[in-house]
Amino acid sequence: MKEFKEKLIVGIDHGYGNIKTANHCFKTGIMGYDAEPLFTKDMLEYGGRYYLIGEGHKEFLPDKIRDEDYYLLTLVAIAEELKDKGLTEADVIIAAGLPLTWTSGQKNDFAAYLSKNEEVSYTYQHTAYHIRISGVRIYPQGYAAVAEFVTTMKGLSVVADIGNGTMNTLFLTNGRPMSSKMYTEKFGTYQCTLAIREEFMQKTRREINDVIIDEVLQNGTADIPTADLKIIKTTAAEYVKDIFRRLREHGYDEGTMTLYITGGGGCLVKNFAKCNPDRVKFVDDICAAAKGYEYMAELQLKADDAK
């Protein structure tokens, strides 16, 4: 969270698997109730309803404004950042992002969606908050995660932002984005999870819990039978091969370009591919995009103020 003229810039990465701010990460799950539920630790109260945060799994929606879920999760993200500062009231500028090729077409609608209420009062984790939305800035995913060091990039580079729902690919020349060479595909890590589920069922006639799949994808192993682990690892390795195949189809050349991998899918590439460390770099900070949104918003606001 950054400050600009007594306003707080809050970067929010609205992922399909996780919501990230500069300092927090929580599951993109939300369940609504008309009456107060039994367990209320991560409960949002808004508009006369109760919402448990982190419950369930948010389905992939190319248009994030289709329902109110991402708006409610935004309120939670702001509260998490304010809590760190001991604040319950603030003027907030939201800095957020959209997939690369969707940004220009959807950014106005997404900004309007996030700022539909100029003033908002709600309760999260039994603490009351009152915020005023002073503005919304929308930036491209992928680029945001490398924005703070993009000026150090030399030669030809590729940024692959592998999220839960999408993979965003951006080519750069000496750190300058190539607007004609950016791609958004529905090929996030959740597609890998679905493939593992299907392969596991075919091979064993059993279902496997996503918690176990996630553990293997993140750590490369888990305390499960060797035969079960082999199925998961083999399918994950095929998914990673497909990542590189798609990158090559877009023009990636591992001998002449430096690849920067960001997003939650980076752990899959680390665990299930052999990469040249001189040519493949990992942005390990899961909150890198949210921090990048804040960084770009601050630069833009200062530039606008200097005019």
Protein backbone atom coordinates (compact mmCIF):
# COMPACT_ATOMS: atom_id res chain seq x y z
CA MET A 1 0.00 0.00 0.00
CA LYS A 2 1.36 3.40 -1.03
CA GLU A 3 0.30 6.92 -0.11
CA PHE A 4 -0.41 9.80 -2.46
CA LYS A 5 -1.75 13.15 -1.20
CA GLU A 6 -3.47 11.65 1.85
CA LYS A 7 -4.97 8.88 -0.25
CA LEU A 8 -3.96 5.23 -0.08
CA ILE A 9 -3.10 3.34 -3.25
CA VAL A 10 -4.15 -0.29 -2.82
CA GLY A 11 -2.97 -2.72 -5.48
CA ILE A 12 -5.22 -5.73 -5.98
CA ASP A 13 -4.55 -8.73 -8.20
CA HIS A 14 -7.98 -10.27 -8.85
CA GLY A 15 -6.91 -13.82 -9.65
CA TYR A 16 -9.18 -16.75 -10.39
CA GLY A 17 -7.46 -18.80 -7.67
CA ASN A 18 -6.28 -16.16 -5.21
CA ILE A 19 -6.76 -12.49 -4.47
CA LYS A 20 -3.43 -10.78 -3.84
CA THR A 21 -2.55 -7.40 -2.39
CA ALA A 22 0.95 -6.08 -1.74
CA ASN A 23 1.01 -7.89 1.62
CA HIS A 24 -1.76 -10.49 1.59
CA CYS A 25 -3.03 -13.49 -0.37
CA PHE A 26 -6.32 -15.32 0.14
CA LYS A 27 -8.46 -17.77 -1.81
CA THR A 28 -10.85 -16.40 -4.43
CA GLY A 29 -13.80 -18.13 -2.84
CA ILE A 30 -16.96 -16.58 -1.40
CA MET A 31 -20.22 -18.02 -0.06
CA GLY A 32 -23.20 -15.83 0.80
CA TYR A 33 -25.75 -16.39 3.59
CA ASP A 34 -28.94 -14.63 4.66
CA ALA A 35 -28.28 -15.48 8.32
CA GLU A 36 -25.01 -15.36 10.22
CA PRO A 37 -23.16 -18.68 9.69
CA LEU A 38 -21.68 -20.78 12.47
CA PHE A 39 -18.01 -20.04 11.73
CA THR A 40 -17.32 -16.33 11.35
CA LYS A 41 -13.53 -15.81 11.46
CA ASP A 42 -13.21 -14.59 7.85
CA MET A 43 -16.70 -13.18 7.49
CA LEU A 44 -17.73 -10.11 5.51
CA GLU A 45 -20.98 -8.33 6.39
CA TYR A 46 -22.26 -6.13 3.59
CA GLY A 47 -25.66 -5.06 2.36
CA GLY A 48 -27.53 -7.04 5.00
CA ARG A 49 -25.89 -10.35 4.04
CA TYR A 50 -23.04 -12.47 5.38
CA TYR A 51 -20.18 -13.82 3.28
CA LEU A 52 -17.52 -16.35 4.20
CA ILE A 53 -14.28 -15.55 2.39
CA GLY A 54 -12.17 -18.40 1.01
CA GLU A 55 -15.13 -20.79 0.83
CA GLY A 56 -15.79 -22.66 -2.42
CA HIS A 57 -13.99 -22.18 -5.74
CA LYS A 58 -14.65 -19.26 -8.06
CA GLU A 59 -15.43 -20.48 -11.57
CA PHE A 60 -13.52 -19.04 -14.51
CA LEU A 61 -15.37 -15.99 -15.85
CA PRO A 62 -13.73 -14.02 -18.67
CA ASP A 63 -15.91 -11.07 -17.64
CA LYS A 64 -15.22 -10.43 -13.95
CA ILE A 65 -18.09 -7.98 -13.58
CA ARG A 66 -20.74 -10.60 -14.31
CA ASP A 67 -21.58 -10.97 -10.62
CA GLU A 68 -20.79 -9.11 -7.39
CA ASP A 69 -18.15 -11.53 -6.10
CA TYR A 70 -15.04 -9.64 -7.21
CA TYR A 71 -16.47 -6.41 -5.81
CA LEU A 72 -16.98 -8.03 -2.42
CA LEU A 73 -13.52 -9.61 -2.53
CA THR A 74 -12.12 -6.16 -3.31
CA LEU A 75 -13.65 -4.82 -0.10
CA VAL A 76 -11.95 -7.63 1.80
CA ALA A 77 -8.60 -6.95 0.11
CA ILE A 78 -8.77 -3.27 1.09
CA ALA A 79 -9.67 -4.19 4.68
CA GLU A 80 -6.66 -6.54 4.88
CA GLU A 81 -4.32 -3.73 3.85
CA LEU A 82 -5.96 -1.15 6.15
CA LYS A 83 -5.72 -3.58 9.07
CA ASP A 84 -1.92 -3.58 8.72
CA LYS A 85 -1.92 0.18 9.26
CA GLY A 86 -4.41 0.08 12.12
CA LEU A 87 -6.94 1.98 9.99
CA THR A 88 -10.67 1.46 9.60
CA GLU A 89 -11.41 4.52 7.44
CA ALA A 90 -9.55 5.85 4.40
CA ASP A 91 -9.68 7.46 0.97
CA VAL A 92 -8.58 4.70 -1.42
CA ILE A 93 -7.31 4.59 -4.98
CA ILE A 94 -7.65 1.06 -6.34
CA ALA A 95 -4.90 -0.14 -8.68
CA ALA A 96 -5.91 -3.37 -10.41
CA GLY A 97 -5.30 -5.33 -13.60
CA LEU A 98 -6.81 -7.37 -16.40
CA PRO A 99 -5.38 -10.00 -18.77
CA LEU A 100 -3.13 -8.44 -21.41
CA THR A 101 -5.37 -8.60 -24.47
CA TRP A 102 -8.53 -7.82 -22.49
CA THR A 103 -7.29 -4.64 -20.81
CA SER A 104 -8.22 -2.09 -23.46
CA GLY A 105 -11.65 -3.58 -24.08
CA GLN A 106 -12.70 -4.14 -20.47
CA LYS A 107 -10.83 -1.60 -18.35
CA ASN A 108 -13.52 1.11 -18.35
CA ASP A 109 -16.23 -1.35 -17.35
CA PHE A 110 -14.02 -2.95 -14.69
CA ALA A 111 -13.08 0.46 -13.26
CA ALA A 112 -16.75 1.44 -13.12
CA TYR A 113 -17.58 -1.88 -11.43
CA LEU A 114 -14.93 -1.40 -8.71
CA SER A 115 -15.97 2.22 -8.07
CA LYS A 116 -19.74 1.81 -8.32
CA ASN A 117 -20.10 3.09 -4.74
CA GLU A 118 -18.11 6.20 -3.88
CA GLU A 119 -18.50 5.47 -0.16
CA VAL A 120 -18.79 1.99 1.32
CA SER A 121 -19.40 0.79 4.86
CA TYR A 122 -18.98 -2.87 5.79
CA THR A 123 -17.69 -5.19 8.48
CA TYR A 124 -14.89 -7.70 8.01
CA GLN A 125 -13.63 -10.05 10.72
CA HIS A 126 -15.94 -8.21 13.15
CA THR A 127 -14.28 -4.83 12.46
CA ALA A 128 -16.27 -2.01 10.84
CA TYR A 129 -14.71 -0.20 7.86
CA HIS A 130 -15.68 2.93 5.99
CA ILE A 131 -13.87 3.72 2.75
CA ARG A 132 -14.16 6.31 0.02
CA ILE A 133 -13.14 5.26 -3.49
CA SER A 134 -11.18 8.17 -4.94
CA GLY A 135 -10.29 6.51 -8.22
CA VAL A 136 -9.48 3.27 -10.02
CA ARG A 137 -6.47 2.60 -12.26
CA ILE A 138 -6.36 -0.51 -14.46
CA TYR A 139 -3.13 -2.00 -15.82
CA PRO A 140 -2.11 -5.08 -17.85
CA GLN A 141 -1.39 -8.32 -16.02
CA GLY A 142 2.00 -9.85 -16.56
CA TYR A 143 3.74 -6.58 -17.24
CA ALA A 144 2.87 -5.36 -13.73
CA ALA A 145 4.88 -8.16 -12.13
CA VAL A 146 8.10 -6.96 -13.81
CA ALA A 147 7.33 -3.23 -13.95
CA GLU A 148 9.74 -2.27 -11.19
CA PHE A 149 12.78 -3.80 -12.92
CA VAL A 150 11.70 -3.71 -16.59
CA THR A 151 14.28 -1.00 -17.37
CA THR A 152 17.07 -3.49 -16.57
CA MET A 153 15.94 -5.95 -19.26
CA LYS A 154 18.28 -6.15 -22.23
CA GLY A 155 17.70 -7.70 -25.62
CA LEU A 156 14.63 -9.82 -26.29
CA SER A 157 12.55 -10.91 -23.30
CA VAL A 158 9.32 -12.78 -22.76
CA VAL A 159 7.07 -12.52 -19.71
CA ALA A 160 4.81 -15.52 -19.08
CA ASP A 161 2.28 -14.81 -16.34
CA ILE A 162 0.75 -18.20 -15.49
CA GLY A 163 -2.26 -17.74 -13.26
CA ASN A 164 -5.05 -20.03 -12.16
CA GLY A 165 -7.34 -19.21 -15.08
CA THR A 166 -5.17 -17.70 -17.81
CA MET A 167 -1.65 -17.51 -19.18
CA ASN A 168 -0.58 -14.07 -20.37
CA THR A 169 2.46 -13.79 -22.63
CA LEU A 170 4.22 -10.53 -23.46
CA PHE A 171 7.29 -9.97 -25.62
CA LEU A 172 9.63 -7.05 -24.90
CA THR A 173 12.61 -5.46 -26.65
CA ASN A 174 15.08 -3.88 -24.21
CA GLY A 175 12.27 -3.70 -21.68
CA ARG A 176 9.78 -2.07 -24.06
CA PRO A 177 6.54 -4.04 -24.54
CA MET A 178 5.69 -5.10 -28.09
CA SER A 179 1.97 -4.34 -28.45
CA SER A 180 1.70 -6.69 -31.44
CA LYS A 181 3.18 -9.58 -29.46
CA MET A 182 0.96 -10.17 -26.45
CA TYR A 183 -1.38 -13.09 -25.87
CA THR A 184 -4.01 -14.23 -23.37
CA GLU A 185 -5.04 -17.88 -23.26
CA LYS A 186 -7.33 -19.91 -21.05
CA PHE A 187 -4.46 -22.12 -19.99
CA GLY A 188 -3.91 -21.51 -16.30
CA THR A 189 -2.95 -23.96 -13.60
CA TYR A 190 -6.57 -24.96 -13.04
CA GLN A 191 -6.52 -26.58 -16.49
CA CYS A 192 -3.60 -28.67 -15.20
CA THR A 193 -5.64 -29.63 -12.13
CA LEU A 194 -8.56 -30.73 -14.32
CA ALA A 195 -6.24 -32.82 -16.49
CA ILE A 196 -4.79 -34.51 -13.41
CA ARG A 197 -8.25 -35.28 -12.04
CA GLU A 198 -9.26 -36.89 -15.34
CA GLU A 199 -6.04 -38.88 -15.72
CA PHE A 200 -6.18 -40.05 -12.10
CA MET A 201 -9.76 -41.25 -12.49
CA GLN A 202 -8.93 -43.12 -15.71
CA LYS A 203 -5.86 -44.82 -14.20
CA THR A 204 -7.19 -45.66 -10.72
CA ARG A 205 -11.01 -45.38 -10.89
CA ARG A 206 -10.71 -43.10 -7.85
CA GLU A 207 -11.12 -39.40 -7.26
CA ILE A 208 -8.31 -37.30 -5.84
CA ASN A 209 -8.74 -34.18 -3.75
CA ASP A 210 -7.54 -30.85 -5.17
CA VAL A 211 -5.66 -30.19 -1.91
CA ILE A 212 -3.35 -33.11 -2.70
CA ILE A 213 -2.95 -32.00 -6.30
CA ASP A 214 -2.06 -28.47 -5.18
CA GLU A 215 0.55 -29.81 -2.76
CA VAL A 216 2.29 -31.78 -5.49
CA LEU A 217 2.15 -28.90 -7.96
CA GLN A 218 3.59 -26.47 -5.41
CA ASN A 219 6.20 -28.73 -3.82
CA GLY A 220 6.87 -31.42 -6.41
CA THR A 221 5.83 -34.19 -4.03
CA ALA A 222 3.40 -35.25 -1.29
CA ASP A 223 2.99 -38.01 1.28
CA ILE A 224 0.89 -40.29 -0.93
CA PRO A 225 1.48 -43.71 -2.57
CA THR A 226 4.26 -43.72 -5.17
CA ALA A 227 1.94 -44.85 -7.96
CA ASP A 228 -0.50 -42.00 -7.24
CA LEU A 229 2.32 -39.47 -7.11
CA LYS A 230 3.64 -40.69 -10.46
CA ILE A 231 0.29 -40.05 -12.16
CA ILE A 232 0.15 -36.48 -10.88
CA LYS A 233 3.78 -35.69 -11.71
CA THR A 234 3.58 -37.20 -15.20
CA THR A 235 0.44 -35.20 -16.06
CA ALA A 236 1.93 -32.02 -14.62
CA ALA A 237 5.09 -32.51 -16.68
CA GLU A 238 2.96 -32.81 -19.83
CA TYR A 239 1.16 -29.58 -18.93
CA VAL A 240 4.50 -27.78 -18.55
CA LYS A 241 5.66 -29.11 -21.92
CA ASP A 242 2.48 -27.62 -23.37
CA ILE A 243 3.34 -24.24 -21.81
CA PHE A 244 6.64 -24.16 -23.67
CA ARG A 245 5.00 -25.44 -26.85
CA ARG A 246 2.54 -22.56 -26.76
CA LEU A 247 5.32 -20.07 -26.05
CA ARG A 248 7.29 -21.34 -29.05
CA GLU A 249 4.19 -21.04 -31.23
CA HIS A 250 4.08 -17.36 -30.29
CA GLY A 251 7.73 -16.89 -31.24
CA TYR A 252 9.69 -17.71 -28.09
CA ASP A 253 13.24 -18.93 -28.72
CA GLU A 254 15.04 -20.26 -25.66
CA GLY A 255 18.47 -19.65 -27.16
CA THR A 256 18.12 -15.93 -27.83
CA MET A 257 15.44 -14.72 -25.41
CA THR A 258 15.21 -14.42 -21.63
CA LEU A 259 11.99 -15.83 -20.19
CA TYR A 260 10.52 -14.34 -17.02
CA ILE A 261 7.90 -16.56 -15.40
CA THR A 262 5.51 -15.03 -12.90
CA GLY A 263 2.24 -16.07 -11.26
CA GLY A 264 1.31 -19.16 -9.32
CA GLY A 265 2.18 -21.43 -12.23
CA GLY A 266 5.86 -20.66 -11.81
CA CYS A 267 6.16 -23.49 -9.28
CA LEU A 268 5.02 -25.99 -11.91
CA VAL A 269 7.79 -24.94 -14.27
CA LYS A 270 10.31 -25.09 -11.43
CA ASN A 271 9.20 -28.55 -10.32
CA PHE A 272 8.50 -30.24 -13.65
CA ALA A 273 10.89 -28.75 -16.20
CA LYS A 274 14.63 -28.41 -16.58
CA CYS A 275 15.44 -24.80 -17.38
CA ASN A 276 18.61 -22.87 -18.11
CA PRO A 277 18.90 -20.48 -15.13
CA ASP A 278 20.69 -17.97 -17.35
CA ARG A 279 17.71 -17.81 -19.69
CA VAL A 280 14.72 -18.56 -17.45
CA LYS A 281 14.05 -16.29 -14.47
CA PHE A 282 11.32 -16.72 -11.86
CA VAL A 283 9.43 -13.89 -10.16
CA ASP A 284 8.69 -15.83 -6.98
CA ASP A 285 6.74 -13.15 -5.13
CA ILE A 286 3.07 -14.15 -5.42
CA CYS A 287 2.17 -10.52 -4.68
CA ALA A 288 4.41 -9.10 -7.43
CA ALA A 289 1.52 -8.04 -9.69
CA ALA A 290 -0.31 -6.20 -6.89
CA LYS A 291 2.91 -4.39 -5.98
CA GLY A 292 3.41 -3.58 -9.65
CA TYR A 293 -0.07 -2.07 -9.92
CA GLU A 294 0.73 0.20 -6.96
CA TYR A 295 4.08 1.16 -8.48
CA MET A 296 2.54 2.08 -11.84
CA ALA A 297 -0.36 3.94 -10.24
CA GLU A 298 2.00 6.02 -8.12
CA LEU A 299 4.11 6.92 -11.17
CA GLN A 300 1.02 7.83 -13.17
CA LEU A 301 -0.51 9.92 -10.40
CA LYS A 302 2.74 11.85 -9.88
CA ALA A 303 3.06 12.44 -13.61
CA ASP A 304 -0.53 13.69 -13.84
CA ASP A 305 0.05 15.94 -10.84
CA ALA A 306 3.15 17.49 -12.42
CA LYS A 307 1.30 18.56 -15.57
